[in-house]
Amino acid sequence: MSPTGSSAASPQASSDRRSIEAERKEWICRGAAGFVVALLLWSFYRNQNDGVALLFLAPLIVGAVIVALRLPVVSNAVSSIENRLRAGATKASARQGKFARFFQRPFYRSCLALWRWTNPISDVHLRAGVRVTALIFVCAIAIALLAVAAYLIVAIVAFIIALVIIGWILSLLLGSNRSGTVSSVTRYTSDWFGQPKQEHFDNAGHKIGESRVETNLLGQTKLVTKDTDGNVVAESERDADWLGNPKTVHKDAEGNVTGESRPDTDWLGEPKTVYTDADGNVTGESREETDLLGRRKTVHYEK
């Protein structure tokens, strides 16, 4: 045999040996991955009634199957997920909402970190299996966090609604213990200039007048009440009895005393104001309350 023929056959033989070695390595990897898949499936069957174990085994089985199949199409498709993750991270960085800041950005950063950490794995199929397994775990954690957040939001909203309903029921119960019927309601607001005023409504909700704090020539304050036409119908001045207890004296438009009101408490210790006529007879009472929006109002009850 000539030297030329010998040198031409040597590279061909070396190439064949490398091909056989690579094929043998592929089958060894397939066999090892298949054994792992079988072991995981056996564990999955043994723990089919344990939900927590199944949650951990399912991602491992998916990753092991990808390694066992060793299909370039599948492994390349897994690698291409990185492009979608980078596009999603770019969009999340441009958003300013709390959802993007506290969920989307950390999620995409975690996924891209997985791709960086698995880059040193030389076998493309093993790398794809590890990435899919880790990605499933990350997505499962993200979904769990979203579910917990949604549950907390629903629980908080339900708690607030329950408090409103309880407050409404308590107001009805307290109202049922009060003697008399509602004669009028006073609401507290302000005019266009920001000056405080009181608006009075009858038991049907129709506005019947307004009250504002004014001062007389001596600088003493009084509460002047006018009807819807702007006519003065009553005045109220703070005073004290001979024992020094506070009271409010009510007068009509001509300055005649029509009655008094004094602070008091009911049998539950709740504050109220008791009204009497000019002869000292109790004519009604009023209590400070709030509406469903939390706004202050005074409800007047007639004996």
C-alpha atoms as a PDB file:
ATOM      1  CA  MET A   1       0.000   0.000   0.000  1.00  0.00           C
ATOM      2  CA  SER A   2       1.334   3.408  -0.919  1.00  0.00           C
ATOM      3  CA  PRO A   3       1.866   6.182   1.678  1.00  0.00           C
ATOM      4  CA  THR A   4      -0.625   8.334  -0.164  1.00  0.00           C
ATOM      5  CA  GLY A   5      -3.461   5.828   0.331  1.00  0.00           C
ATOM      6  CA  SER A   6      -2.631   5.386   3.992  1.00  0.00           C
ATOM      7  CA  SER A   7      -2.696   9.124   4.718  1.00  0.00           C
ATOM      8  CA  ALA A   8      -6.060   9.543   2.908  1.00  0.00           C
ATOM      9  CA  ALA A   9      -7.719   6.773   4.917  1.00  0.00           C
ATOM     10  CA  SER A  10      -6.547   8.055   8.286  1.00  0.00           C
ATOM     11  CA  PRO A  11      -8.739  11.252   8.453  1.00  0.00           C
ATOM     12  CA  GLN A  12     -11.764   9.254   7.310  1.00  0.00           C
ATOM     13  CA  ALA A  13     -11.236   6.684  10.065  1.00  0.00           C
ATOM     14  CA  SER A  14     -10.765   9.441  12.647  1.00  0.00           C
ATOM     15  CA  SER A  15     -13.995  11.124  11.533  1.00  0.00           C
ATOM     16  CA  ASP A  16     -15.878   7.834  11.762  1.00  0.00           C
ATOM     17  CA  ARG A  17     -14.576   7.224  15.274  1.00  0.00           C
ATOM     18  CA  ARG A  18     -15.712  10.694  16.373  1.00  0.00           C
ATOM     19  CA  SER A  19     -19.145  10.114  14.837  1.00  0.00           C
ATOM     20  CA  ILE A  20     -19.485   6.764  16.601  1.00  0.00           C
ATOM     21  CA  GLU A  21     -18.330   8.322  19.882  1.00  0.00           C
ATOM     22  CA  ALA A  22     -20.828  11.182  19.551  1.00  0.00           C
ATOM     23  CA  GLU A  23     -23.652   8.780  18.747  1.00  0.00           C
ATOM     24  CA  ARG A  24     -22.723   6.589  21.696  1.00  0.00           C
ATOM     25  CA  LYS A  25     -22.714   9.646  23.948  1.00  0.00           C
ATOM     26  CA  GLU A  26     -26.157  10.649  22.653  1.00  0.00           C
ATOM     27  CA  TRP A  27     -27.587   7.233  23.487  1.00  0.00           C
ATOM     28  CA  ILE A  28     -26.015   7.274  26.923  1.00  0.00           C
ATOM     29  CA  CYS A  29     -27.621  10.682  27.588  1.00  0.00           C
ATOM     30  CA  ARG A  30     -30.949   9.440  26.279  1.00  0.00           C
ATOM     31  CA  GLY A  31     -30.748   6.344  28.449  1.00  0.00           C
ATOM     32  CA  ALA A  32     -29.830   8.307  31.580  1.00  0.00           C
ATOM     33  CA  ALA A  33     -32.574  10.871  30.949  1.00  0.00           C
ATOM     34  CA  GLY A  34     -35.082   8.102  30.205  1.00  0.00           C
ATOM     35  CA  PHE A  35     -34.196   6.402  33.479  1.00  0.00           C
ATOM     36  CA  VAL A  36     -34.754   9.704  35.308  1.00  0.00           C
ATOM     37  CA  VAL A  37     -38.110  10.143  33.547  1.00  0.00           C
ATOM     38  CA  ALA A  38     -39.172   6.631  34.566  1.00  0.00           C
ATOM     39  CA  LEU A  39     -38.081   7.258  38.148  1.00  0.00           C
ATOM     40  CA  LEU A  40     -39.979  10.546  38.270  1.00  0.00           C
ATOM     41  CA  LEU A  41     -43.109   8.976  36.763  1.00  0.00           C
ATOM     42  CA  TRP A  42     -42.941   6.216  39.366  1.00  0.00           C
ATOM     43  CA  SER A  43     -42.668   8.856  42.118  1.00  0.00           C
ATOM     44  CA  PHE A  44     -45.549  10.754  40.506  1.00  0.00           C
ATOM     45  CA  TYR A  45     -47.700   7.597  40.619  1.00  0.00           C
ATOM     46  CA  ARG A  46     -46.739   6.826  44.217  1.00  0.00           C
ATOM     47  CA  ASN A  47     -47.600  10.369  45.353  1.00  0.00           C
ATOM     48  CA  GLN A  48     -50.695  10.939  43.208  1.00  0.00           C
ATOM     49  CA  ASN A  49     -52.701  11.853  46.312  1.00  0.00           C
ATOM     50  CA  ASP A  50     -50.124  14.370  47.534  1.00  0.00           C
ATOM     51  CA  GLY A  51     -50.793  17.673  45.755  1.00  0.00           C
ATOM     52  CA  VAL A  52     -47.623  19.348  46.995  1.00  0.00           C
ATOM     53  CA  ALA A  53     -45.400  16.509  45.756  1.00  0.00           C
ATOM     54  CA  LEU A  54     -47.095  16.550  42.358  1.00  0.00           C
ATOM     55  CA  LEU A  55     -46.465  20.292  42.022  1.00  0.00           C
ATOM     56  CA  PHE A  56     -42.747  19.683  42.442  1.00  0.00           C
ATOM     57  CA  LEU A  57     -42.550  16.498  40.340  1.00  0.00           C
ATOM     58  CA  ALA A  58     -44.438  17.789  37.273  1.00  0.00           C
ATOM     59  CA  PRO A  59     -41.839  20.441  36.246  1.00  0.00           C
ATOM     60  CA  LEU A  60     -39.014  17.933  36.780  1.00  0.00           C
ATOM     61  CA  ILE A  61     -40.761  15.386  34.525  1.00  0.00           C
ATOM     62  CA  VAL A  62     -41.216  17.976  31.759  1.00  0.00           C
ATOM     63  CA  GLY A  63     -37.544  18.952  31.888  1.00  0.00           C
ATOM     64  CA  ALA A  64     -36.376  15.333  31.958  1.00  0.00           C
ATOM     65  CA  VAL A  65     -38.547  14.463  28.942  1.00  0.00           C
ATOM     66  CA  ILE A  66     -36.951  17.317  26.941  1.00  0.00           C
ATOM     67  CA  VAL A  67     -33.476  15.985  27.815  1.00  0.00           C
ATOM     68  CA  ALA A  68     -34.495  12.410  26.936  1.00  0.00           C
ATOM     69  CA  LEU A  69     -36.007  13.332  23.558  1.00  0.00           C
ATOM     70  CA  ARG A  70     -32.999  15.493  22.609  1.00  0.00           C
ATOM     71  CA  LEU A  71     -34.837  17.088  19.713  1.00  0.00           C
ATOM     72  CA  PRO A  72     -33.053  20.142  18.263  1.00  0.00           C
ATOM     73  CA  VAL A  73     -36.388  21.754  17.344  1.00  0.00           C
ATOM     74  CA  VAL A  74     -37.614  21.638  20.949  1.00  0.00           C
ATOM     75  CA  SER A  75     -34.319  22.720  22.499  1.00  0.00           C
ATOM     76  CA  ASN A  76     -33.923  25.621  20.054  1.00  0.00           C
ATOM     77  CA  ALA A  77     -37.496  26.726  20.747  1.00  0.00           C
ATOM     78  CA  VAL A  78     -36.694  26.808  24.477  1.00  0.00           C
ATOM     79  CA  SER A  79     -33.590  28.901  23.805  1.00  0.00           C
ATOM     80  CA  SER A  80     -35.635  31.366  21.737  1.00  0.00           C
ATOM     81  CA  ILE A  81     -37.794  32.163  24.770  1.00  0.00           C
ATOM     82  CA  GLU A  82     -34.999  34.499  25.861  1.00  0.00           C
ATOM     83  CA  ASN A  83     -35.986  36.956  23.104  1.00  0.00           C
ATOM     84  CA  ARG A  84     -39.547  37.161  24.417  1.00  0.00           C
ATOM     85  CA  LEU A  85     -38.294  37.626  27.967  1.00  0.00           C
ATOM     86  CA  ARG A  86     -36.053  40.509  26.933  1.00  0.00           C
ATOM     87  CA  ALA A  87     -38.932  42.157  25.021  1.00  0.00           C
ATOM     88  CA  GLY A  88     -41.205  41.778  28.046  1.00  0.00           C
ATOM     89  CA  ALA A  89     -38.535  43.199  30.368  1.00  0.00           C
ATOM     90  CA  THR A  90     -38.160  46.236  28.096  1.00  0.00           C
ATOM     91  CA  LYS A  91     -41.909  46.898  28.121  1.00  0.00           C
ATOM     92  CA  ALA A  92     -42.099  46.452  31.907  1.00  0.00           C
ATOM     93  CA  SER A  93     -39.249  48.940  32.408  1.00  0.00           C
ATOM     94  CA  ALA A  94     -41.162  51.559  30.393  1.00  0.00           C
ATOM     95  CA  ARG A  95     -44.292  51.192  32.546  1.00  0.00           C
ATOM     96  CA  GLN A  96     -44.763  53.190  35.769  1.00  0.00           C
ATOM     97  CA  GLY A  97     -47.595  51.361  37.545  1.00  0.00           C
ATOM     98  CA  LYS A  98     -47.251  49.405  40.779  1.00  0.00           C
ATOM     99  CA  PHE A  99     -48.021  46.135  38.955  1.00  0.00           C
ATOM    100  CA  ALA A 100     -45.076  46.685  36.606  1.00  0.00           C
ATOM    101  CA  ARG A 101     -42.792  47.836  39.417  1.00  0.00           C
ATOM    102  CA  PHE A 102     -43.505  45.141  41.981  1.00  0.00           C
ATOM    103  CA  PHE A 103     -44.441  42.167  39.769  1.00  0.00           C
ATOM    104  CA  GLN A 104     -43.533  42.373  36.080  1.00  0.00           C
ATOM    105  CA  ARG A 105     -39.996  43.746  36.482  1.00  0.00           C
ATOM    106  CA  PRO A 106     -38.927  41.235  39.188  1.00  0.00           C
ATOM    107  CA  PHE A 107     -40.510  38.411  37.174  1.00  0.00           C
ATOM    108  CA  TYR A 108     -38.614  39.172  33.970  1.00  0.00           C
ATOM    109  CA  ARG A 109     -35.377  39.827  35.862  1.00  0.00           C
ATOM    110  CA  SER A 110     -35.651  36.410  37.525  1.00  0.00           C
ATOM    111  CA  CYS A 111     -36.294  34.643  34.205  1.00  0.00           C
ATOM    112  CA  LEU A 112     -33.391  36.345  32.466  1.00  0.00           C
ATOM    113  CA  ALA A 113     -31.157  35.483  35.415  1.00  0.00           C
ATOM    114  CA  LEU A 114     -32.032  31.803  34.871  1.00  0.00           C
ATOM    115  CA  TRP A 115     -30.881  32.083  31.269  1.00  0.00           C
ATOM    116  CA  ARG A 116     -27.571  33.622  32.371  1.00  0.00           C
ATOM    117  CA  TRP A 117     -26.951  31.010  35.061  1.00  0.00           C
ATOM    118  CA  THR A 118     -27.625  28.103  32.664  1.00  0.00           C
ATOM    119  CA  ASN A 119     -25.446  29.420  29.820  1.00  0.00           C
ATOM    120  CA  PRO A 120     -22.349  27.490  31.040  1.00  0.00           C
ATOM    121  CA  ILE A 121     -24.167  24.141  30.440  1.00  0.00           C
ATOM    122  CA  SER A 122     -22.559  22.886  27.225  1.00  0.00           C
ATOM    123  CA  ASP A 123     -25.180  20.282  26.266  1.00  0.00           C
ATOM    124  CA  VAL A 124     -27.962  22.216  24.509  1.00  0.00           C
ATOM    125  CA  HIS A 125     -30.654  19.658  25.366  1.00  0.00           C
ATOM    126  CA  LEU A 126     -29.714  19.451  29.032  1.00  0.00           C
ATOM    127  CA  ARG A 127     -29.620  23.252  29.145  1.00  0.00           C
ATOM    128  CA  ALA A 128     -33.115  23.416  27.623  1.00  0.00           C
ATOM    129  CA  GLY A 129     -34.476  20.897  30.140  1.00  0.00           C
ATOM    130  CA  VAL A 130     -33.034  22.780  33.105  1.00  0.00           C
ATOM    131  CA  ARG A 131     -34.381  26.095  31.782  1.00  0.00           C
ATOM    132  CA  VAL A 132     -37.900  24.752  31.236  1.00  0.00           C
ATOM    133  CA  THR A 133     -37.991  23.202  34.703  1.00  0.00           C
ATOM    134  CA  ALA A 134     -36.771  26.373  36.399  1.00  0.00           C
ATOM    135  CA  LEU A 135     -39.106  28.552  34.298  1.00  0.00           C
ATOM    136  CA  ILE A 136     -42.121  26.476  35.322  1.00  0.00           C
ATOM    137  CA  PHE A 137     -41.188  26.909  38.984  1.00  0.00           C
ATOM    138  CA  VAL A 138     -40.796  30.693  38.569  1.00  0.00           C
ATOM    139  CA  CYS A 139     -44.143  30.983  36.770  1.00  0.00           C
ATOM    140  CA  ALA A 140     -45.830  28.880  39.463  1.00  0.00           C
ATOM    141  CA  ILE A 141     -44.475  31.161  42.186  1.00  0.00           C
ATOM    142  CA  ALA A 142     -45.609  34.244  40.230  1.00  0.00           C
ATOM    143  CA  ILE A 143     -49.120  32.833  39.789  1.00  0.00           C
ATOM    144  CA  ALA A 144     -49.273  31.967  43.502  1.00  0.00           C
ATOM    145  CA  LEU A 145     -48.275  35.512  44.434  1.00  0.00           C
ATOM    146  CA  LEU A 146     -50.947  36.944  42.125  1.00  0.00           C
ATOM    147  CA  ALA A 147     -53.553  34.638  43.654  1.00  0.00           C
ATOM    148  CA  VAL A 148     -52.571  35.676  47.186  1.00  0.00           C
ATOM    149  CA  ALA A 149     -52.678  39.369  46.226  1.00  0.00           C
ATOM    150  CA  ALA A 150     -56.110  38.946  44.619  1.00  0.00           C
ATOM    151  CA  TYR A 151     -57.354  37.074  47.696  1.00  0.00           C
ATOM    152  CA  LEU A 152     -56.109  39.843  50.015  1.00  0.00           C
ATOM    153  CA  ILE A 153     -57.755  42.534  47.877  1.00  0.00           C
ATOM    154  CA  VAL A 154     -61.068  40.665  47.867  1.00  0.00           C
ATOM    155  CA  ALA A 155     -60.796  40.049  51.627  1.00  0.00           C
ATOM    156  CA  ILE A 156     -60.095  43.730  52.342  1.00  0.00           C
ATOM    157  CA  VAL A 157     -62.989  44.867  50.142  1.00  0.00           C
ATOM    158  CA  ALA A 158     -65.301  42.334  51.792  1.00  0.00           C
ATOM    159  CA  PHE A 159     -64.145  43.495  55.238  1.00  0.00           C
ATOM    160  CA  ILE A 160     -64.857  47.135  54.368  1.00  0.00           C
ATOM    161  CA  ILE A 161     -68.303  46.239  53.015  1.00  0.00           C
ATOM    162  CA  ALA A 162     -69.006  44.233  56.169  1.00  0.00           C
ATOM    163  CA  LEU A 163     -68.025  47.208  58.342  1.00  0.00           C
ATOM    164  CA  VAL A 164     -70.357  49.487  56.361  1.00  0.00           C
ATOM    165  CA  ILE A 165     -73.225  47.009  56.713  1.00  0.00           C
ATOM    166  CA  ILE A 166     -72.574  46.559  60.439  1.00  0.00           C
ATOM    167  CA  GLY A 167     -72.468  50.333  60.907  1.00  0.00           C
ATOM    168  CA  TRP A 168     -75.725  50.691  59.012  1.00  0.00           C
ATOM    169  CA  ILE A 169     -77.386  47.975  61.125  1.00  0.00           C
ATOM    170  CA  LEU A 170     -76.089  49.562  64.341  1.00  0.00           C
ATOM    171  CA  SER A 171     -77.420  52.943  63.251  1.00  0.00           C
ATOM    172  CA  LEU A 172     -80.822  51.343  62.671  1.00  0.00           C
ATOM    173  CA  LEU A 173     -80.716  49.630  66.058  1.00  0.00           C
ATOM    174  CA  LEU A 174     -79.677  52.814  67.836  1.00  0.00           C
ATOM    175  CA  GLY A 175     -82.296  54.742  65.924  1.00  0.00           C
ATOM    176  CA  SER A 176     -84.988  52.291  67.025  1.00  0.00           C
ATOM    177  CA  ASN A 177     -84.152  53.047  70.676  1.00  0.00           C
ATOM    178  CA  ARG A 178     -84.694  56.773  70.232  1.00  0.00           C
ATOM    179  CA  SER A 179     -87.991  58.289  71.172  1.00  0.00           C
ATOM    180  CA  GLY A 180     -89.797  60.372  68.568  1.00  0.00           C
ATOM    181  CA  THR A 181     -89.562  60.644  64.811  1.00  0.00           C
ATOM    182  CA  VAL A 182     -87.052  62.433  62.616  1.00  0.00           C
ATOM    183  CA  SER A 183     -88.187  66.013  62.097  1.00  0.00           C
ATOM    184  CA  SER A 184     -85.151  67.460  60.306  1.00  0.00           C
ATOM    185  CA  VAL A 185     -81.517  66.864  59.422  1.00  0.00           C
ATOM    186  CA  THR A 186     -78.659  69.367  59.579  1.00  0.00           C
ATOM    187  CA  ARG A 187     -75.647  68.919  57.346  1.00  0.00           C
ATOM    188  CA  TYR A 188     -72.351  70.793  57.643  1.00  0.00           C
ATOM    189  CA  THR A 189     -70.741  72.318  54.574  1.00  0.00           C
ATOM    190  CA  SER A 190     -69.267  75.597  53.294  1.00  0.00           C
ATOM    191  CA  ASP A 191     -70.214  78.296  50.781  1.00  0.00           C
ATOM    192  CA  TRP A 192     -68.347  79.427  47.661  1.00  0.00           C
ATOM    193  CA  PHE A 193     -65.918  81.451  49.801  1.00  0.00           C
ATOM    194  CA  GLY A 194     -65.112  78.530  52.098  1.00  0.00           C
ATOM    195  CA  GLN A 195     -67.137  79.955  55.001  1.00  0.00           C
ATOM    196  CA  PRO A 196     -68.792  77.238  57.121  1.00  0.00           C
ATOM    197  CA  LYS A 197     -72.544  76.958  57.124  1.00  0.00           C
ATOM    198  CA  GLN A 198     -75.291  74.546  58.101  1.00  0.00           C
ATOM    199  CA  GLU A 199     -77.985  73.338  55.725  1.00  0.00           C
ATOM    200  CA  HIS A 200     -81.328  72.146  57.130  1.00  0.00           C
ATOM    201  CA  PHE A 201     -83.578  69.560  55.470  1.00  0.00           C
ATOM    202  CA  ASP A 202     -86.997  68.234  56.471  1.00  0.00           C
ATOM    203  CA  ASN A 203     -87.766  64.539  56.946  1.00  0.00           C
ATOM    204  CA  ALA A 204     -88.489  64.238  53.203  1.00  0.00           C
ATOM    205  CA  GLY A 205     -85.042  65.564  52.253  1.00  0.00           C
ATOM    206  CA  HIS A 206     -86.199  69.008  51.083  1.00  0.00           C
ATOM    207  CA  LYS A 207     -84.028  71.961  52.015  1.00  0.00           C
ATOM    208  CA  ILE A 208     -85.793  74.326  54.416  1.00  0.00           C
ATOM    209  CA  GLY A 209     -83.057  76.782  55.418  1.00  0.00           C
ATOM    210  CA  GLU A 210     -79.479  77.582  56.321  1.00  0.00           C
ATOM    211  CA  SER A 211     -77.604  78.725  59.434  1.00  0.00           C
ATOM    212  CA  ARG A 212     -74.424  80.756  59.699  1.00  0.00           C
ATOM    213  CA  VAL A 213     -72.398  82.082  62.603  1.00  0.00           C
ATOM    214  CA  GLU A 214     -72.553  85.887  62.852  1.00  0.00           C
ATOM    215  CA  THR A 215     -71.505  88.522  65.395  1.00  0.00           C
ATOM    216  CA  ASN A 216     -73.517  91.359  66.907  1.00  0.00           C
ATOM    217  CA  LEU A 217     -72.384  94.917  67.627  1.00  0.00           C
ATOM    218  CA  LEU A 218     -70.720  93.780  70.861  1.00  0.00           C
ATOM    219  CA  GLY A 219     -68.701  91.105  69.051  1.00  0.00           C
ATOM    220  CA  GLN A 220     -70.753  88.244  70.531  1.00  0.00           C
ATOM    221  CA  THR A 221     -71.343  85.267  68.236  1.00  0.00           C
ATOM    222  CA  LYS A 222     -74.750  83.849  67.406  1.00  0.00           C
ATOM    223  CA  LEU A 223     -76.149  81.327  64.971  1.00  0.00           C
ATOM    224  CA  VAL A 224     -78.591  82.960  62.558  1.00  0.00           C
ATOM    225  CA  THR A 225     -81.055  80.720  60.703  1.00  0.00           C
ATOM    226  CA  LYS A 226     -82.735  81.801  57.463  1.00  0.00           C
ATOM    227  CA  ASP A 227     -85.351  80.145  55.291  1.00  0.00           C
ATOM    228  CA  THR A 228     -84.885  79.336  51.615  1.00  0.00           C
ATOM    229  CA  ASP A 229     -85.951  82.903  50.712  1.00  0.00           C
ATOM    230  CA  GLY A 230     -83.212  84.425  52.870  1.00  0.00           C
ATOM    231  CA  ASN A 231     -85.530  85.634  55.664  1.00  0.00           C
ATOM    232  CA  VAL A 232     -84.275  85.348  59.255  1.00  0.00           C
ATOM    233  CA  VAL A 233     -86.483  82.889  61.142  1.00  0.00           C
ATOM    234  CA  ALA A 234     -84.437  82.147  64.281  1.00  0.00           C
ATOM    235  CA  GLU A 235     -81.306  82.937  66.250  1.00  0.00           C
ATOM    236  CA  SER A 236     -79.351  80.853  68.741  1.00  0.00           C
ATOM    237  CA  GLU A 237     -76.904  82.118  71.352  1.00  0.00           C
ATOM    238  CA  ARG A 238     -74.711  80.163  73.711  1.00  0.00           C
ATOM    239  CA  ASP A 239     -75.262  80.794  77.390  1.00  0.00           C
ATOM    240  CA  ALA A 240     -75.015  79.116  80.809  1.00  0.00           C
ATOM    241  CA  ASP A 241     -77.483  78.522  83.627  1.00  0.00           C
ATOM    242  CA  TRP A 242     -76.992  79.703  87.218  1.00  0.00           C
ATOM    243  CA  LEU A 243     -74.912  76.572  87.933  1.00  0.00           C
ATOM    244  CA  GLY A 244     -72.568  77.297  85.026  1.00  0.00           C
ATOM    245  CA  ASN A 245     -73.842  74.450  82.872  1.00  0.00           C
ATOM    246  CA  PRO A 246     -73.754  75.269  79.148  1.00  0.00           C
ATOM    247  CA  LYS A 247     -76.944  75.796  77.227  1.00  0.00           C
ATOM    248  CA  THR A 248     -78.114  77.421  74.002  1.00  0.00           C
ATOM    249  CA  VAL A 249     -80.974  79.936  73.987  1.00  0.00           C
ATOM    250  CA  HIS A 250     -83.189  79.945  70.888  1.00  0.00           C
ATOM    251  CA  LYS A 251     -85.167  82.987  69.749  1.00  0.00           C
ATOM    252  CA  ASP A 252     -87.519  83.762  66.917  1.00  0.00           C
ATOM    253  CA  ALA A 253     -87.072  86.509  64.309  1.00  0.00           C
ATOM    254  CA  GLU A 254     -88.467  89.138  66.728  1.00  0.00           C
ATOM    255  CA  GLY A 255     -86.046  88.164  69.487  1.00  0.00           C
ATOM    256  CA  ASN A 256     -88.547  86.313  71.668  1.00  0.00           C
ATOM    257  CA  VAL A 257     -87.192  83.253  73.497  1.00  0.00           C
ATOM    258  CA  THR A 258     -88.744  80.110  72.043  1.00  0.00           C
ATOM    259  CA  GLY A 259     -86.779  77.522  73.950  1.00  0.00           C
ATOM    260  CA  GLU A 260     -83.420  76.157  75.043  1.00  0.00           C
ATOM    261  CA  SER A 261     -81.160  73.207  74.286  1.00  0.00           C
ATOM    262  CA  ARG A 262     -78.690  71.472  76.582  1.00  0.00           C
ATOM    263  CA  PRO A 263     -76.088  68.718  76.065  1.00  0.00           C
ATOM    264  CA  ASP A 264     -76.983  65.363  77.622  1.00  0.00           C
ATOM    265  CA  THR A 265     -76.370  61.605  77.273  1.00  0.00           C
ATOM    266  CA  ASP A 266     -78.713  58.653  76.771  1.00  0.00           C
ATOM    267  CA  TRP A 267     -78.790  55.420  78.769  1.00  0.00           C
ATOM    268  CA  LEU A 268     -75.944  54.034  76.637  1.00  0.00           C
ATOM    269  CA  GLY A 269     -73.754  57.058  77.379  1.00  0.00           C
ATOM    270  CA  GLU A 270     -74.093  58.385  73.839  1.00  0.00           C
ATOM    271  CA  PRO A 271     -74.117  62.196  73.621  1.00  0.00           C
ATOM    272  CA  LYS A 272     -77.292  64.007  72.589  1.00  0.00           C
ATOM    273  CA  THR A 273     -78.838  67.471  72.801  1.00  0.00           C
ATOM    274  CA  VAL A 274     -82.218  67.925  74.490  1.00  0.00           C
ATOM    275  CA  TYR A 275     -84.576  70.731  73.383  1.00  0.00           C
ATOM    276  CA  THR A 276     -87.204  72.391  75.572  1.00  0.00           C
ATOM    277  CA  ASP A 277     -89.797  75.044  74.843  1.00  0.00           C
ATOM    278  CA  ALA A 278     -90.175  78.406  76.639  1.00  0.00           C
ATOM    279  CA  ASP A 279     -92.040  76.653  79.473  1.00  0.00           C
ATOM    280  CA  GLY A 280     -89.336  74.032  80.009  1.00  0.00           C
ATOM    281  CA  ASN A 281     -91.198  71.139  78.339  1.00  0.00           C
ATOM    282  CA  VAL A 282     -89.044  68.696  76.357  1.00  0.00           C
ATOM    283  CA  THR A 283     -89.917  68.984  72.681  1.00  0.00           C
ATOM    284  CA  GLY A 284     -87.235  66.866  71.072  1.00  0.00           C
ATOM    285  CA  GLU A 285     -83.581  65.906  70.861  1.00  0.00           C
ATOM    286  CA  SER A 286     -80.754  65.739  68.340  1.00  0.00           C
ATOM    287  CA  ARG A 287     -77.746  63.493  67.826  1.00  0.00           C
ATOM    288  CA  GLU A 288     -74.512  63.734  65.883  1.00  0.00           C
ATOM    289  CA  GLU A 289     -74.326  61.022  63.213  1.00  0.00           C
ATOM    290  CA  THR A 290     -72.533  60.268  59.944  1.00  0.00           C
ATOM    291  CA  ASP A 291     -73.898  59.140  56.597  1.00  0.00           C
ATOM    292  CA  LEU A 292     -72.588  56.206  54.523  1.00  0.00           C
ATOM    293  CA  LEU A 293     -69.832  58.443  53.142  1.00  0.00           C
ATOM    294  CA  GLY A 294     -68.652  59.377  56.638  1.00  0.00           C
ATOM    295  CA  ARG A 295     -69.949  62.951  56.436  1.00  0.00           C
ATOM    296  CA  ARG A 296     -71.104  64.574  59.672  1.00  0.00           C
ATOM    297  CA  LYS A 297     -74.773  65.434  60.190  1.00  0.00           C
ATOM    298  CA  THR A 298     -77.140  66.260  63.043  1.00  0.00           C
ATOM    299  CA  VAL A 299     -80.448  64.416  63.144  1.00  0.00           C
ATOM    300  CA  HIS A 300     -83.315  66.111  65.009  1.00  0.00           C
ATOM    301  CA  TYR A 301     -86.030  63.975  66.619  1.00  0.00           C
ATOM    302  CA  GLU A 302     -89.466  65.286  67.547  1.00  0.00           C
ATOM    303  CA  LYS A 303     -91.266  64.088  70.654  1.00  0.00           C
END
